C-alpha atoms as a PDB file:
ATOM      1  CA  MET A   1       0.039  -0.037  -0.024  1.00  0.00           C
ATOM      2  CA  ARG A   2       2.753   2.481   0.966  1.00  0.00           C
ATOM      3  CA  ASP A   3       4.540   1.724  -2.473  1.00  0.00           C
ATOM      4  CA  ALA A   4       1.372   2.155  -4.340  1.00  0.00           C
ATOM      5  CA  LEU A   5       0.476   5.618  -2.788  1.00  0.00           C
ATOM      6  CA  ALA A   6       4.072   6.870  -3.092  1.00  0.00           C
ATOM      7  CA  GLU A   7       3.907   6.067  -6.762  1.00  0.00           C
ATOM      8  CA  LEU A   8       0.883   7.879  -7.348  1.00  0.00           C
ATOM      9  CA  GLY A   9       2.450  11.088  -6.130  1.00  0.00           C
ATOM     10  CA  LEU A  10      -0.604  12.034  -3.689  1.00  0.00           C
ATOM     11  CA  ASP A  11      -0.343  13.682  -0.304  1.00  0.00           C
ATOM     12  CA  TRP A  12      -0.823  10.785   2.221  1.00  0.00           C
ATOM     13  CA  SER A  13      -0.178   9.795   5.598  1.00  0.00           C
ATOM     14  CA  GLU A  14      -0.237   6.648   7.737  1.00  0.00           C
ATOM     15  CA  SER A  15      -1.979   7.148  11.152  1.00  0.00           C
ATOM     16  CA  ARG A  16      -1.374   3.632  12.361  1.00  0.00           C
ATOM     17  CA  PRO A  17      -0.260   0.544  10.569  1.00  0.00           C
ATOM     18  CA  GLY A  18      -2.696  -0.193   7.696  1.00  0.00           C
ATOM     19  CA  VAL A  19      -4.685   2.987   8.109  1.00  0.00           C
ATOM     20  CA  PHE A  20      -3.871   5.672   5.411  1.00  0.00           C
ATOM     21  CA  SER A  21      -5.232   9.190   4.685  1.00  0.00           C
ATOM     22  CA  VAL A  22      -5.098  10.551   1.254  1.00  0.00           C
ATOM     23  CA  SER A  23      -5.709  13.789  -0.150  1.00  0.00           C
ATOM     24  CA  LEU A  24      -7.235  13.792  -3.614  1.00  0.00           C
ATOM     25  CA  PRO A  25      -7.130  16.963  -5.584  1.00  0.00           C
ATOM     26  CA  GLY A  26     -10.086  18.253  -7.566  1.00  0.00           C
ATOM     27  CA  THR A  27     -11.535  21.225  -9.500  1.00  0.00           C
ATOM     28  CA  ARG A  28     -15.094  21.651  -8.137  1.00  0.00           C
ATOM     29  CA  LYS A  29     -14.367  19.999  -4.700  1.00  0.00           C
ATOM     30  CA  LEU A  30     -10.691  21.314  -4.282  1.00  0.00           C
ATOM     31  CA  VAL A  31      -9.715  18.274  -2.012  1.00  0.00           C
ATOM     32  CA  THR A  32     -11.478  15.087  -1.129  1.00  0.00           C
ATOM     33  CA  GLU A  33     -10.115  13.476   2.021  1.00  0.00           C
ATOM     34  CA  CYS A  34     -10.073   9.592   1.753  1.00  0.00           C
ATOM     35  CA  ALA A  35      -9.276   7.072   4.422  1.00  0.00           C
ATOM     36  CA  LEU A  36      -8.044   3.635   3.283  1.00  0.00           C
ATOM     37  CA  GLU A  37      -7.730   0.856   5.907  1.00  0.00           C
ATOM     38  CA  LEU A  38      -6.224  -2.397   4.843  1.00  0.00           C
ATOM     39  CA  GLY A  39      -7.134  -5.301   6.880  1.00  0.00           C
ATOM     40  CA  ARG A  40      -6.375  -8.897   6.921  1.00  0.00           C
ATOM     41  CA  HIS A  41      -9.203  -9.685   4.506  1.00  0.00           C
ATOM     42  CA  GLY A  42     -10.035  -6.515   2.710  1.00  0.00           C
ATOM     43  CA  LEU A  43      -9.460  -2.910   1.953  1.00  0.00           C
ATOM     44  CA  ASP A  44     -12.021  -0.333   3.230  1.00  0.00           C
ATOM     45  CA  LEU A  45     -12.303   3.151   1.842  1.00  0.00           C
ATOM     46  CA  ARG A  46     -14.364   6.141   2.981  1.00  0.00           C
ATOM     47  CA  ALA A  47     -14.223   9.489   1.601  1.00  0.00           C
ATOM     48  CA  PHE A  48     -16.149  12.613   2.745  1.00  0.00           C
ATOM     49  CA  VAL A  49     -18.044  14.319   0.009  1.00  0.00           C
ATOM     50  CA  ALA A  50     -20.506  16.945   1.498  1.00  0.00           C
ATOM     51  CA  ARG A  51     -22.235  17.535   4.792  1.00  0.00           C
ATOM     52  CA  ARG A  52     -25.965  16.826   5.428  1.00  0.00           C
ATOM     53  CA  PRO A  53     -28.112  18.709   3.127  1.00  0.00           C
ATOM     54  CA  ASP A  54     -29.913  21.687   4.529  1.00  0.00           C
ATOM     55  CA  GLU A  55     -32.945  21.252   2.309  1.00  0.00           C
ATOM     56  CA  ASN A  56     -34.478  19.105  -0.460  1.00  0.00           C
ATOM     57  CA  HIS A  57     -33.217  15.790   1.215  1.00  0.00           C
ATOM     58  CA  GLU A  58     -35.359  13.440  -0.783  1.00  0.00           C
ATOM     59  CA  ALA A  59     -34.048  14.964  -4.216  1.00  0.00           C
ATOM     60  CA  VAL A  60     -30.411  14.630  -3.081  1.00  0.00           C
ATOM     61  CA  TYR A  61     -30.898  11.130  -1.850  1.00  0.00           C
ATOM     62  CA  ARG A  62     -32.560  10.006  -4.986  1.00  0.00           C
ATOM     63  CA  TRP A  63     -29.818  11.599  -6.919  1.00  0.00           C
ATOM     64  CA  LEU A  64     -27.100   9.820  -4.989  1.00  0.00           C
ATOM     65  CA  LEU A  65     -28.890   6.405  -5.375  1.00  0.00           C
ATOM     66  CA  THR A  66     -29.208   6.986  -9.094  1.00  0.00           C
ATOM     67  CA  ALA A  67     -25.643   7.862  -9.308  1.00  0.00           C
ATOM     68  CA  ASN A  68     -24.666   4.603  -7.464  1.00  0.00           C
ATOM     69  CA  LEU A  69     -25.932   2.622 -10.589  1.00  0.00           C
ATOM     70  CA  LYS A  70     -23.094   4.147 -12.728  1.00  0.00           C
ATOM     71  CA  LEU A  71     -20.105   3.963 -10.336  1.00  0.00           C
ATOM     72  CA  TYR A  72     -17.232   1.614 -10.414  1.00  0.00           C
ATOM     73  CA  ALA A  73     -16.542  -0.185  -7.177  1.00  0.00           C
ATOM     74  CA  ILE A  74     -17.698   2.773  -5.052  1.00  0.00           C
ATOM     75  CA  ARG A  75     -20.932   4.023  -3.848  1.00  0.00           C
ATOM     76  CA  PHE A  76     -22.547   6.918  -2.199  1.00  0.00           C
ATOM     77  CA  CYS A  77     -23.560   6.439   1.550  1.00  0.00           C
ATOM     78  CA  LEU A  78     -24.737   8.378   4.457  1.00  0.00           C
ATOM     79  CA  ASP A  79     -23.378   8.482   8.071  1.00  0.00           C
ATOM     80  CA  ALA A  80     -25.570   8.714  11.205  1.00  0.00           C
ATOM     81  CA  LEU A  81     -25.514  12.522  10.680  1.00  0.00           C
ATOM     82  CA  GLY A  82     -26.570  12.341   7.042  1.00  0.00           C
ATOM     83  CA  ASP A  83     -23.218  13.502   5.750  1.00  0.00           C
ATOM     84  CA  VAL A  84     -22.525  12.195   2.275  1.00  0.00           C
ATOM     85  CA  TYR A  85     -19.472   9.749   1.586  1.00  0.00           C
ATOM     86  CA  LEU A  86     -18.217   7.582  -0.945  1.00  0.00           C
ATOM     87  CA  THR A  87     -17.264   4.117   0.363  1.00  0.00           C
ATOM     88  CA  ALA A  88     -15.837   0.854  -1.151  1.00  0.00           C
ATOM     89  CA  ARG A  89     -14.844  -2.586   0.247  1.00  0.00           C
ATOM     90  CA  LEU A  90     -12.493  -4.646  -1.784  1.00  0.00           C
ATOM     91  CA  SER A  91     -11.011  -8.206  -0.908  1.00  0.00           C
ATOM     92  CA  THR A  92      -7.322  -8.189  -0.439  1.00  0.00           C
ATOM     93  CA  ALA A  93      -6.899 -10.416  -3.404  1.00  0.00           C
ATOM     94  CA  LEU A  94      -7.921  -7.392  -5.647  1.00  0.00           C
ATOM     95  CA  VAL A  95      -5.672  -4.996  -3.944  1.00  0.00           C
ATOM     96  CA  SER A  96      -2.856  -3.842  -6.216  1.00  0.00           C
ATOM     97  CA  ALA A  97      -1.117  -0.736  -7.272  1.00  0.00           C
ATOM     98  CA  ALA A  98      -3.245  -0.538 -10.436  1.00  0.00           C
ATOM     99  CA  GLU A  99      -6.409  -1.148  -8.425  1.00  0.00           C
ATOM    100  CA  ILE A 100      -5.726   1.457  -5.873  1.00  0.00           C
ATOM    101  CA  ASP A 101      -4.922   3.924  -8.693  1.00  0.00           C
ATOM    102  CA  ARG A 102      -8.270   3.074 -10.459  1.00  0.00           C
ATOM    103  CA  LEU A 103     -10.242   3.247  -7.208  1.00  0.00           C
ATOM    104  CA  LEU A 104      -8.758   6.464  -6.007  1.00  0.00           C
ATOM    105  CA  GLY A 105      -9.296   7.948  -9.502  1.00  0.00           C
ATOM    106  CA  ALA A 106     -12.963   6.754  -9.324  1.00  0.00           C
ATOM    107  CA  VAL A 107     -13.324   8.458  -5.904  1.00  0.00           C
ATOM    108  CA  ALA A 108     -11.600  11.740  -7.107  1.00  0.00           C
ATOM    109  CA  ARG A 109     -13.577  11.937 -10.245  1.00  0.00           C
ATOM    110  CA  THR A 110     -17.072  11.117  -8.740  1.00  0.00           C
ATOM    111  CA  ALA A 111     -16.529  13.371  -5.707  1.00  0.00           C
ATOM    112  CA  ASP A 112     -15.511  16.253  -8.092  1.00  0.00           C
ATOM    113  CA  ASP A 113     -18.216  15.666 -10.723  1.00  0.00           C
ATOM    114  CA  SER A 114     -20.940  15.345  -8.160  1.00  0.00           C
ATOM    115  CA  PHE A 115     -20.118  18.197  -5.746  1.00  0.00           C
ATOM    116  CA  ASN A 116     -21.807  21.104  -7.492  1.00  0.00           C
ATOM    117  CA  THR A 117     -24.862  18.989  -8.017  1.00  0.00           C
ATOM    118  CA  ILE A 118     -25.158  17.953  -4.384  1.00  0.00           C
ATOM    119  CA  LEU A 119     -24.689  21.587  -3.346  1.00  0.00           C
ATOM    120  CA  GLU A 120     -27.219  22.807  -5.783  1.00  0.00           C
ATOM    121  CA  LEU A 121     -29.831  20.394  -4.768  1.00  0.00           C
ATOM    122  CA  GLY A 122     -29.223  20.318  -1.079  1.00  0.00           C
ATOM    123  CA  PHE A 123     -27.877  23.792  -0.215  1.00  0.00           C
ATOM    124  CA  ALA A 124     -29.629  26.259  -2.844  1.00  0.00           C
ATOM    125  CA  GLY A 125     -31.082  28.486  -0.002  1.00  0.00           C
ATOM    126  CA  SER A 126     -27.655  28.746   1.580  1.00  0.00           C
ATOM    127  CA  ILE A 127     -26.085  29.585  -1.568  1.00  0.00           C
ATOM    128  CA  ALA A 128     -28.569  32.338  -2.315  1.00  0.00           C
ATOM    129  CA  ARG A 129     -28.134  33.725   1.116  1.00  0.00           C
ATOM    130  CA  GLU A 130     -24.302  33.661   0.540  1.00  0.00           C
ATOM    131  CA  TRP A 131     -24.617  35.800  -2.541  1.00  0.00           C
ATOM    132  CA  VAL A 132     -26.724  38.418  -0.625  1.00  0.00           C
ATOM    133  CA  TRP A 133     -24.163  38.381   2.366  1.00  0.00           C
ATOM    134  CA  ARG A 134     -21.124  38.575   0.318  1.00  0.00           C
ATOM    135  CA  ARG A 135     -22.521  41.690  -1.708  1.00  0.00           C
ATOM    136  CA  SER A 136     -23.624  43.373   1.449  1.00  0.00           C
ATOM    137  CA  ARG A 137     -20.100  43.260   2.840  1.00  0.00           C
ATOM    138  CA  GLY A 138     -18.386  44.055  -0.419  1.00  0.00           C
ATOM    139  CA  GLU A 139     -16.798  40.532  -0.417  1.00  0.00           C
ATOM    140  CA  SER A 140     -15.754  38.533  -3.689  1.00  0.00           C
ATOM    141  CA  THR A 141     -18.251  36.324  -5.097  1.00  0.00           C
ATOM    142  CA  ALA A 142     -15.721  34.679  -7.372  1.00  0.00           C
ATOM    143  CA  ASN A 143     -16.120  31.191  -5.775  1.00  0.00           C
ATOM    144  CA  LEU A 144     -19.971  31.210  -6.279  1.00  0.00           C
ATOM    145  CA  ALA A 145     -19.495  31.497 -10.042  1.00  0.00           C
ATOM    146  CA  ALA A 146     -20.702  28.113 -10.651  1.00  0.00           C
ATOM    147  CA  PHE A 147     -24.010  29.032  -8.971  1.00  0.00           C
ATOM    148  CA  THR A 148     -24.889  32.314 -10.828  1.00  0.00           C
ATOM    149  CA  HIS A 149     -28.351  30.762 -11.529  1.00  0.00           C
ATOM    150  CA  LEU A 150     -28.999  30.830  -7.663  1.00  0.00           C
ATOM    151  CA  ASP A 151     -27.977  34.549  -7.375  1.00  0.00           C
ATOM    152  CA  PRO A 152     -31.182  36.198  -6.017  1.00  0.00           C
ATOM    153  CA  ASP A 153     -30.270  39.344  -8.061  1.00  0.00           C
ATOM    154  CA  ARG A 154     -30.246  37.295 -11.363  1.00  0.00           C
ATOM    155  CA  ARG A 155     -33.585  35.736 -10.977  1.00  0.00           C
END
């Protein structure tokens, strides 16, 4: 596992033997933190994607379940708080440098590709309020550019 992660050139650390934290870079979701735990019989992966939606829960969860049908080896899940994660479990027989690369690539791509959709579905009200708040304080709205359609002044 150490050799595979080092070969990928990603930021990673090992908190205890067999438990690795990996930072996956993205474009929409700038960083996806991913935990890998290599056990005797398998590899467990868990990557945080987004916190519990503020609104429109049913639409968010329906979108996540539908997205699961198209994913390779990973799936969207919720924790007890309702936060959104990507998870996977592989047999140790399948764990190789190439498979770790493929799995982490799937996580990075899926987290990044789904991030704005999850935000739009589950946090539209918060995003609209953020537009108003930033303007009222003269703050930059540059990182809200992907959500101009949620700008109350443009509706």
